Amino acid sequence: PAGAEDFDTEWLSLTLGVKLVANVGEALAHLRE
């Protein structure tokens, strides 16, 4: 499971965060955050 800081992490390794979004706007909102 993803922790609080995981989507702010530059992994530099064989690790990948995965998240579902409803549309392009929600994807862009995630990028901005």
PDB file of all heavy atoms in Angstrom:
ATOM      1  N   PRO A   1       0.829  -1.212   0.000  1.00  0.00           N
ATOM      2  CA  PRO A   1       0.000   0.000   0.000  1.00  0.00           C
ATOM      3  C   PRO A   1       0.860   1.259   0.000  1.00  0.00           C
ATOM      4  O   PRO A   1       1.953   1.283   0.570  1.00  0.00           O
ATOM      5  CB  PRO A   1      -0.803  -0.119   1.303  1.00  0.00           C
ATOM      6  CG  PRO A   1      -0.668  -1.539   1.727  1.00  0.00           C
ATOM      7  CD  PRO A   1       0.646  -2.013   1.222  1.00  0.00           C
ATOM      8  N   ALA A   2       0.364   2.293  -0.630  1.00  0.00           N
ATOM      9  CA  ALA A   2       1.088   3.561  -0.677  1.00  0.00           C
ATOM     10  C   ALA A   2       0.981   4.284   0.662  1.00  0.00           C
ATOM     11  O   ALA A   2      -0.093   4.361   1.258  1.00  0.00           O
ATOM     12  CB  ALA A   2       0.533   4.445  -1.791  1.00  0.00           C
ATOM     13  N   GLY A   3       2.116   4.813   1.124  1.00  0.00           N
ATOM     14  CA  GLY A   3       2.135   5.616   2.340  1.00  0.00           C
ATOM     15  C   GLY A   3       1.959   7.086   2.031  1.00  0.00           C
ATOM     16  O   GLY A   3       1.814   7.491   0.863  1.00  0.00           O
ATOM     17  N   ALA A   4       2.006   7.899   3.067  1.00  0.00           N
ATOM     18  CA  ALA A   4       1.722   9.325   2.938  1.00  0.00           C
ATOM     19  C   ALA A   4       2.686  10.041   1.995  1.00  0.00           C
ATOM     20  O   ALA A   4       2.301  10.963   1.273  1.00  0.00           O
ATOM     21  CB  ALA A   4       1.762   9.982   4.315  1.00  0.00           C
ATOM     22  N   GLU A   5       3.958   9.633   1.958  1.00  0.00           N
ATOM     23  CA  GLU A   5       4.968  10.338   1.174  1.00  0.00           C
ATOM     24  C   GLU A   5       5.303   9.651  -0.149  1.00  0.00           C
ATOM     25  O   GLU A   5       6.103  10.180  -0.932  1.00  0.00           O
ATOM     26  CB  GLU A   5       6.263  10.475   2.002  1.00  0.00           C
ATOM     27  CG  GLU A   5       6.093  11.133   3.365  1.00  0.00           C
ATOM     28  CD  GLU A   5       5.631  12.566   3.246  1.00  0.00           C
ATOM     29  OE1 GLU A   5       6.057  13.237   2.279  1.00  0.00           O
ATOM     30  OE2 GLU A   5       4.844  13.017   4.100  1.00  0.00           O
ATOM     31  N   ASP A   6       4.706   8.514  -0.418  1.00  0.00           N
ATOM     32  CA  ASP A   6       5.156   7.721  -1.560  1.00  0.00           C
ATOM     33  C   ASP A   6       4.940   8.398  -2.911  1.00  0.00           C
ATOM     34  O   ASP A   6       5.750   8.242  -3.827  1.00  0.00           O
ATOM     35  CB  ASP A   6       4.481   6.350  -1.557  1.00  0.00           C
ATOM     36  CG  ASP A   6       5.093   5.411  -0.529  1.00  0.00           C
ATOM     37  OD1 ASP A   6       6.288   5.589  -0.206  1.00  0.00           O
ATOM     38  OD2 ASP A   6       4.383   4.512  -0.027  1.00  0.00           O
ATOM     39  N   PHE A   7       3.869   9.148  -3.058  1.00  0.00           N
ATOM     40  CA  PHE A   7       3.626   9.803  -4.344  1.00  0.00           C
ATOM     41  C   PHE A   7       4.428  11.096  -4.501  1.00  0.00           C
ATOM     42  O   PHE A   7       4.338  11.763  -5.536  1.00  0.00           O
ATOM     43  CB  PHE A   7       2.130  10.059  -4.547  1.00  0.00           C
ATOM     44  CG  PHE A   7       1.353   8.802  -4.824  1.00  0.00           C
ATOM     45  CD1 PHE A   7       0.375   8.355  -3.946  1.00  0.00           C
ATOM     46  CD2 PHE A   7       1.618   8.037  -5.954  1.00  0.00           C
ATOM     47  CE1 PHE A   7      -0.332   7.185  -4.194  1.00  0.00           C
ATOM     48  CE2 PHE A   7       0.915   6.865  -6.214  1.00  0.00           C
ATOM     49  CZ  PHE A   7      -0.065   6.437  -5.323  1.00  0.00           C
ATOM     50  N   ASP A   8       5.234  11.423  -3.489  1.00  0.00           N
ATOM     51  CA  ASP A   8       6.161  12.546  -3.588  1.00  0.00           C
ATOM     52  C   ASP A   8       7.602  12.059  -3.715  1.00  0.00           C
ATOM     53  O   ASP A   8       8.544  12.847  -3.608  1.00  0.00           O
ATOM     54  CB  ASP A   8       6.061  13.444  -2.344  1.00  0.00           C
ATOM     55  CG  ASP A   8       4.698  14.099  -2.229  1.00  0.00           C
ATOM     56  OD1 ASP A   8       4.247  14.689  -3.223  1.00  0.00           O
ATOM     57  OD2 ASP A   8       4.081  13.999  -1.145  1.00  0.00           O
ATOM     58  N   THR A   9       7.778  10.773  -3.953  1.00  0.00           N
ATOM     59  CA  THR A   9       9.106  10.163  -3.944  1.00  0.00           C
ATOM     60  C   THR A   9       9.638   9.952  -5.356  1.00  0.00           C
ATOM     61  O   THR A   9       8.959   9.382  -6.210  1.00  0.00           O
ATOM     62  CB  THR A   9       9.065   8.814  -3.203  1.00  0.00           C
ATOM     63  OG1 THR A   9       8.636   9.026  -1.859  1.00  0.00           O
ATOM     64  CG2 THR A   9      10.440   8.162  -3.198  1.00  0.00           C
ATOM     65  N   GLU A  10      10.863  10.408  -5.576  1.00  0.00           N
ATOM     66  CA  GLU A  10      11.592  10.077  -6.801  1.00  0.00           C
ATOM     67  C   GLU A  10      12.326   8.764  -6.506  1.00  0.00           C
ATOM     68  O   GLU A  10      13.313   8.750  -5.779  1.00  0.00           O
ATOM     69  CB  GLU A  10      12.578  11.196  -7.147  1.00  0.00           C
ATOM     70  CG  GLU A  10      13.278  11.001  -8.471  1.00  0.00           C
ATOM     71  CD  GLU A  10      14.292  12.098  -8.777  1.00  0.00           C
ATOM     72  OE1 GLU A  10      14.797  12.731  -7.826  1.00  0.00           O
ATOM     73  OE2 GLU A  10      14.582  12.314  -9.962  1.00  0.00           O
ATOM     74  N   TRP A  11      11.846   7.660  -7.055  1.00  0.00           N
ATOM     75  CA  TRP A  11      12.274   6.342  -6.595  1.00  0.00           C
ATOM     76  C   TRP A  11      13.721   6.019  -6.932  1.00  0.00           C
ATOM     77  O   TRP A  11      14.442   5.429  -6.124  1.00  0.00           O
ATOM     78  CB  TRP A  11      11.355   5.260  -7.178  1.00  0.00           C
ATOM     79  CG  TRP A  11       9.938   5.341  -6.718  1.00  0.00           C
ATOM     80  CD1 TRP A  11       8.850   5.689  -7.467  1.00  0.00           C
ATOM     81  CD2 TRP A  11       9.442   5.088  -5.399  1.00  0.00           C
ATOM     82  NE1 TRP A  11       7.700   5.671  -6.701  1.00  0.00           N
ATOM     83  CE2 TRP A  11       8.045   5.303  -5.420  1.00  0.00           C
ATOM     84  CE3 TRP A  11      10.039   4.703  -4.205  1.00  0.00           C
ATOM     85  CZ2 TRP A  11       7.237   5.142  -4.306  1.00  0.00           C
ATOM     86  CZ3 TRP A  11       9.238   4.546  -3.077  1.00  0.00           C
ATOM     87  CH2 TRP A  11       7.856   4.762  -3.137  1.00  0.00           C
ATOM     88  N   LEU A  12      14.149   6.309  -8.154  1.00  0.00           N
ATOM     89  CA  LEU A  12      15.512   5.985  -8.605  1.00  0.00           C
ATOM     90  C   LEU A  12      15.819   4.493  -8.462  1.00  0.00           C
ATOM     91  O   LEU A  12      16.965   4.086  -8.250  1.00  0.00           O
ATOM     92  CB  LEU A  12      16.561   6.809  -7.834  1.00  0.00           C
ATOM     93  CG  LEU A  12      16.386   8.330  -7.892  1.00  0.00           C
ATOM     94  CD1 LEU A  12      17.416   9.010  -6.997  1.00  0.00           C
ATOM     95  CD2 LEU A  12      16.476   8.845  -9.320  1.00  0.00           C
ATOM     96  N   SER A  13      14.785   3.679  -8.560  1.00  0.00           N
ATOM     97  CA  SER A  13      14.930   2.228  -8.391  1.00  0.00           C
ATOM     98  C   SER A  13      13.746   1.544  -9.074  1.00  0.00           C
ATOM     99  O   SER A  13      12.866   2.203  -9.639  1.00  0.00           O
ATOM    100  CB  SER A  13      14.970   1.867  -6.907  1.00  0.00           C
ATOM    101  OG  SER A  13      13.733   2.187  -6.281  1.00  0.00           O
ATOM    102  N   LEU A  14      13.704   0.217  -9.005  1.00  0.00           N
ATOM    103  CA  LEU A  14      12.608  -0.538  -9.614  1.00  0.00           C
ATOM    104  C   LEU A  14      11.385  -0.538  -8.706  1.00  0.00           C
ATOM    105  O   LEU A  14      10.929  -1.563  -8.203  1.00  0.00           O
ATOM    106  CB  LEU A  14      13.067  -1.963  -9.925  1.00  0.00           C
ATOM    107  CG  LEU A  14      14.040  -2.090 -11.092  1.00  0.00           C
ATOM    108  CD1 LEU A  14      14.551  -3.514 -11.218  1.00  0.00           C
ATOM    109  CD2 LEU A  14      13.387  -1.638 -12.407  1.00  0.00           C
ATOM    110  N   THR A  15      10.836   0.643  -8.505  1.00  0.00           N
ATOM    111  CA  THR A  15       9.617   0.854  -7.716  1.00  0.00           C
ATOM    112  C   THR A  15       8.728   1.815  -8.490  1.00  0.00           C
ATOM    113  O   THR A  15       9.212   2.779  -9.081  1.00  0.00           O
ATOM    114  CB  THR A  15       9.950   1.443  -6.334  1.00  0.00           C
ATOM    115  OG1 THR A  15      10.888   0.599  -5.667  1.00  0.00           O
ATOM    116  CG2 THR A  15       8.701   1.585  -5.486  1.00  0.00           C
ATOM    117  N   LEU A  16       7.424   1.553  -8.487  1.00  0.00           N
ATOM    118  CA  LEU A  16       6.493   2.368  -9.257  1.00  0.00           C
ATOM    119  C   LEU A  16       5.219   2.617  -8.467  1.00  0.00           C
ATOM    120  O   LEU A  16       4.558   1.680  -8.016  1.00  0.00           O
ATOM    121  CB  LEU A  16       6.146   1.661 -10.575  1.00  0.00           C
ATOM    122  CG  LEU A  16       5.158   2.367 -11.510  1.00  0.00           C
ATOM    123  CD1 LEU A  16       5.728   3.692 -12.006  1.00  0.00           C
ATOM    124  CD2 LEU A  16       4.809   1.457 -12.694  1.00  0.00           C
ATOM    125  N   GLY A  17       4.867   3.871  -8.296  1.00  0.00           N
ATOM    126  CA  GLY A  17       3.594   4.225  -7.685  1.00  0.00           C
ATOM    127  C   GLY A  17       2.466   4.065  -8.692  1.00  0.00           C
ATOM    128  O   GLY A  17       2.643   4.364  -9.876  1.00  0.00           O
ATOM    129  N   VAL A  18       1.294   3.595  -8.230  1.00  0.00           N
ATOM    130  CA  VAL A  18       0.152   3.392  -9.128  1.00  0.00           C
ATOM    131  C   VAL A  18      -1.102   3.969  -8.473  1.00  0.00           C
ATOM    132  O   VAL A  18      -1.385   3.690  -7.302  1.00  0.00           O
ATOM    133  CB  VAL A  18      -0.080   1.901  -9.448  1.00  0.00           C
ATOM    134  CG1 VAL A  18      -1.218   1.746 -10.454  1.00  0.00           C
ATOM    135  CG2 VAL A  18       1.194   1.253  -9.977  1.00  0.00           C
ATOM    136  N   LYS A  19      -1.847   4.745  -9.255  1.00  0.00           N
ATOM    137  CA  LYS A  19      -3.069   5.362  -8.741  1.00  0.00           C
ATOM    138  C   LYS A  19      -4.112   5.433  -9.851  1.00  0.00           C
ATOM    139  O   LYS A  19      -3.773   5.673 -11.016  1.00  0.00           O
ATOM    140  CB  LYS A  19      -2.763   6.776  -8.218  1.00  0.00           C
ATOM    141  CG  LYS A  19      -3.978   7.497  -7.638  1.00  0.00           C
ATOM    142  CD  LYS A  19      -3.599   8.903  -7.157  1.00  0.00           C
ATOM    143  CE  LYS A  19      -4.814   9.636  -6.602  1.00  0.00           C
ATOM    144  NZ  LYS A  19      -4.460  11.000  -6.124  1.00  0.00           N
ATOM    145  N   LEU A  20      -5.388   5.245  -9.492  1.00  0.00           N
ATOM    146  CA  LEU A  20      -6.480   5.390 -10.450  1.00  0.00           C
ATOM    147  C   LEU A  20      -7.035   6.808 -10.371  1.00  0.00           C
ATOM    148  O   LEU A  20      -7.138   7.385  -9.284  1.00  0.00           O
ATOM    149  CB  LEU A  20      -7.595   4.385 -10.161  1.00  0.00           C
ATOM    150  CG  LEU A  20      -7.218   2.898 -10.100  1.00  0.00           C
ATOM    151  CD1 LEU A  20      -8.487   2.050 -10.041  1.00  0.00           C
ATOM    152  CD2 LEU A  20      -6.337   2.492 -11.265  1.00  0.00           C
ATOM    153  N   VAL A  21      -7.396   7.353 -11.549  1.00  0.00           N
ATOM    154  CA  VAL A  21      -8.001   8.688 -11.603  1.00  0.00           C
ATOM    155  C   VAL A  21      -9.218   8.632 -12.521  1.00  0.00           C
ATOM    156  O   VAL A  21      -9.325   7.751 -13.381  1.00  0.00           O
ATOM    157  CB  VAL A  21      -7.005   9.751 -12.101  1.00  0.00           C
ATOM    158  CG1 VAL A  21      -5.879   9.970 -11.090  1.00  0.00           C
ATOM    159  CG2 VAL A  21      -6.438   9.387 -13.466  1.00  0.00           C
ATOM    160  N   ALA A  22     -10.119   9.620 -12.353  1.00  0.00           N
ATOM    161  CA  ALA A  22     -11.389   9.596 -13.083  1.00  0.00           C
ATOM    162  C   ALA A  22     -11.290  10.202 -14.471  1.00  0.00           C
ATOM    163  O   ALA A  22     -12.070   9.844 -15.368  1.00  0.00           O
ATOM    164  CB  ALA A  22     -12.464  10.322 -12.277  1.00  0.00           C
ATOM    165  N   ASN A  23     -10.317  11.123 -14.690  1.00  0.00           N
ATOM    166  CA  ASN A  23     -10.228  11.829 -15.971  1.00  0.00           C
ATOM    167  C   ASN A  23      -8.906  12.592 -16.062  1.00  0.00           C
ATOM    168  O   ASN A  23      -8.094  12.559 -15.128  1.00  0.00           O
ATOM    169  CB  ASN A  23     -11.424  12.785 -16.143  1.00  0.00           C
ATOM    170  CG  ASN A  23     -11.633  13.656 -14.911  1.00  0.00           C
ATOM    171  OD1 ASN A  23     -10.682  14.219 -14.360  1.00  0.00           O
ATOM    172  ND2 ASN A  23     -12.883  13.745 -14.455  1.00  0.00           N
ATOM    173  N   VAL A  24      -8.726  13.301 -17.168  1.00  0.00           N
ATOM    174  CA  VAL A  24      -7.489  14.063 -17.370  1.00  0.00           C
ATOM    175  C   VAL A  24      -7.346  15.140 -16.296  1.00  0.00           C
ATOM    176  O   VAL A  24      -6.253  15.364 -15.767  1.00  0.00           O
ATOM    177  CB  VAL A  24      -7.466  14.711 -18.769  1.00  0.00           C
ATOM    178  CG1 VAL A  24      -6.172  15.501 -18.972  1.00  0.00           C
ATOM    179  CG2 VAL A  24      -7.612  13.666 -19.859  1.00  0.00           C
ATOM    180  N   GLY A  25      -8.439  15.797 -15.964  1.00  0.00           N
ATOM    181  CA  GLY A  25      -8.386  16.851 -14.956  1.00  0.00           C
ATOM    182  C   GLY A  25      -7.889  16.343 -13.609  1.00  0.00           C
ATOM    183  O   GLY A  25      -7.093  17.009 -12.930  1.00  0.00           O
ATOM    184  N   GLU A  26      -8.337  15.149 -13.218  1.00  0.00           N
ATOM    185  CA  GLU A  26      -7.894  14.574 -11.945  1.00  0.00           C
ATOM    186  C   GLU A  26      -6.419  14.178 -12.019  1.00  0.00           C
ATOM    187  O   GLU A  26      -5.676  14.298 -11.037  1.00  0.00           O
ATOM    188  CB  GLU A  26      -8.763  13.371 -11.592  1.00  0.00           C
ATOM    189  CG  GLU A  26      -8.615  12.918 -10.142  1.00  0.00           C
ATOM    190  CD  GLU A  26      -9.647  11.880  -9.749  1.00  0.00           C
ATOM    191  OE1 GLU A  26     -10.861  12.144  -9.954  1.00  0.00           O
ATOM    192  OE2 GLU A  26      -9.240  10.808  -9.250  1.00  0.00           O
ATOM    193  N   ALA A  27      -5.993  13.717 -13.187  1.00  0.00           N
ATOM    194  CA  ALA A  27      -4.574  13.393 -13.369  1.00  0.00           C
ATOM    195  C   ALA A  27      -3.725  14.650 -13.225  1.00  0.00           C
ATOM    196  O   ALA A  27      -2.688  14.652 -12.549  1.00  0.00           O
ATOM    197  CB  ALA A  27      -4.354  12.756 -14.740  1.00  0.00           C
ATOM    198  N   LEU A  28      -4.159  15.748 -13.834  1.00  0.00           N
ATOM    199  CA  LEU A  28      -3.419  17.005 -13.744  1.00  0.00           C
ATOM    200  C   LEU A  28      -3.402  17.538 -12.309  1.00  0.00           C
ATOM    201  O   LEU A  28      -2.392  18.107 -11.857  1.00  0.00           O
ATOM    202  CB  LEU A  28      -4.021  18.045 -14.686  1.00  0.00           C
ATOM    203  CG  LEU A  28      -3.820  17.772 -16.182  1.00  0.00           C
ATOM    204  CD1 LEU A  28      -4.660  18.728 -17.016  1.00  0.00           C
ATOM    205  CD2 LEU A  28      -2.347  17.887 -16.559  1.00  0.00           C
ATOM    206  N   ALA A  29      -4.492  17.359 -11.598  1.00  0.00           N
ATOM    207  CA  ALA A  29      -4.539  17.787 -10.195  1.00  0.00           C
ATOM    208  C   ALA A  29      -3.510  17.019  -9.374  1.00  0.00           C
ATOM    209  O   ALA A  29      -2.843  17.586  -8.492  1.00  0.00           O
ATOM    210  CB  ALA A  29      -5.937  17.589  -9.632  1.00  0.00           C
ATOM    211  N   HIS A  30      -3.364  15.732  -9.658  1.00  0.00           N
ATOM    212  CA  HIS A  30      -2.347  14.923  -8.959  1.00  0.00           C
ATOM    213  C   HIS A  30      -0.946  15.446  -9.282  1.00  0.00           C
ATOM    214  O   HIS A  30      -0.099  15.576  -8.385  1.00  0.00           O
ATOM    215  CB  HIS A  30      -2.463  13.462  -9.366  1.00  0.00           C
ATOM    216  CG  HIS A  30      -1.443  12.576  -8.705  1.00  0.00           C
ATOM    217  ND1 HIS A  30      -1.686  11.895  -7.533  1.00  0.00           N
ATOM    218  CD2 HIS A  30      -0.150  12.299  -9.034  1.00  0.00           C
ATOM    219  CE1 HIS A  30      -0.602  11.235  -7.176  1.00  0.00           C
ATOM    220  NE2 HIS A  30       0.342  11.463  -8.076  1.00  0.00           N
ATOM    221  N   LEU A  31      -0.689  15.772 -10.547  1.00  0.00           N
ATOM    222  CA  LEU A  31       0.616  16.294 -10.942  1.00  0.00           C
ATOM    223  C   LEU A  31       0.940  17.579 -10.193  1.00  0.00           C
ATOM    224  O   LEU A  31       2.063  17.769  -9.704  1.00  0.00           O
ATOM    225  CB  LEU A  31       0.645  16.558 -12.453  1.00  0.00           C
ATOM    226  CG  LEU A  31       1.203  15.455 -13.362  1.00  0.00           C
ATOM    227  CD1 LEU A  31       0.387  14.181 -13.245  1.00  0.00           C
ATOM    228  CD2 LEU A  31       1.233  15.928 -14.816  1.00  0.00           C
ATOM    229  N   ARG A  32      -0.047  18.473 -10.099  1.00  0.00           N
ATOM    230  CA  ARG A  32       0.200  19.761  -9.430  1.00  0.00           C
ATOM    231  C   ARG A  32       0.509  19.571  -7.952  1.00  0.00           C
ATOM    232  O   ARG A  32       1.297  20.324  -7.370  1.00  0.00           O
ATOM    233  CB  ARG A  32      -1.015  20.669  -9.613  1.00  0.00           C
ATOM    234  CG  ARG A  32      -1.132  21.263 -11.005  1.00  0.00           C
ATOM    235  CD  ARG A  32      -2.171  22.365 -11.062  1.00  0.00           C
ATOM    236  NE  ARG A  32      -3.521  21.841 -10.947  1.00  0.00           N
ATOM    237  CZ  ARG A  32      -4.263  21.455 -11.990  1.00  0.00           C
ATOM    238  NH1 ARG A  32      -3.767  21.503 -13.212  1.00  0.00           N
ATOM    239  NH2 ARG A  32      -5.489  21.013 -11.816  1.00  0.00           N
ATOM    240  N   GLU A  33      -0.096  18.561  -7.338  1.00  0.00           N
ATOM    241  CA  GLU A  33       0.099  18.341  -5.902  1.00  0.00           C
ATOM    242  C   GLU A  33       1.396  17.622  -5.590  1.00  0.00           C
ATOM    243  O   GLU A  33       1.958  17.795  -4.503  1.00  0.00           O
ATOM    244  CB  GLU A  33      -1.077  17.526  -5.346  1.00  0.00           C
ATOM    245  CG  GLU A  33      -1.040  17.342  -3.839  1.00  0.00           C
ATOM    246  CD  GLU A  33      -2.234  16.550  -3.317  1.00  0.00           C
ATOM    247  OE1 GLU A  33      -3.187  16.327  -4.091  1.00  0.00           O
ATOM    248  OE2 GLU A  33      -2.202  16.157  -2.134  1.00  0.00           O
TER     249      GLU A  33
END
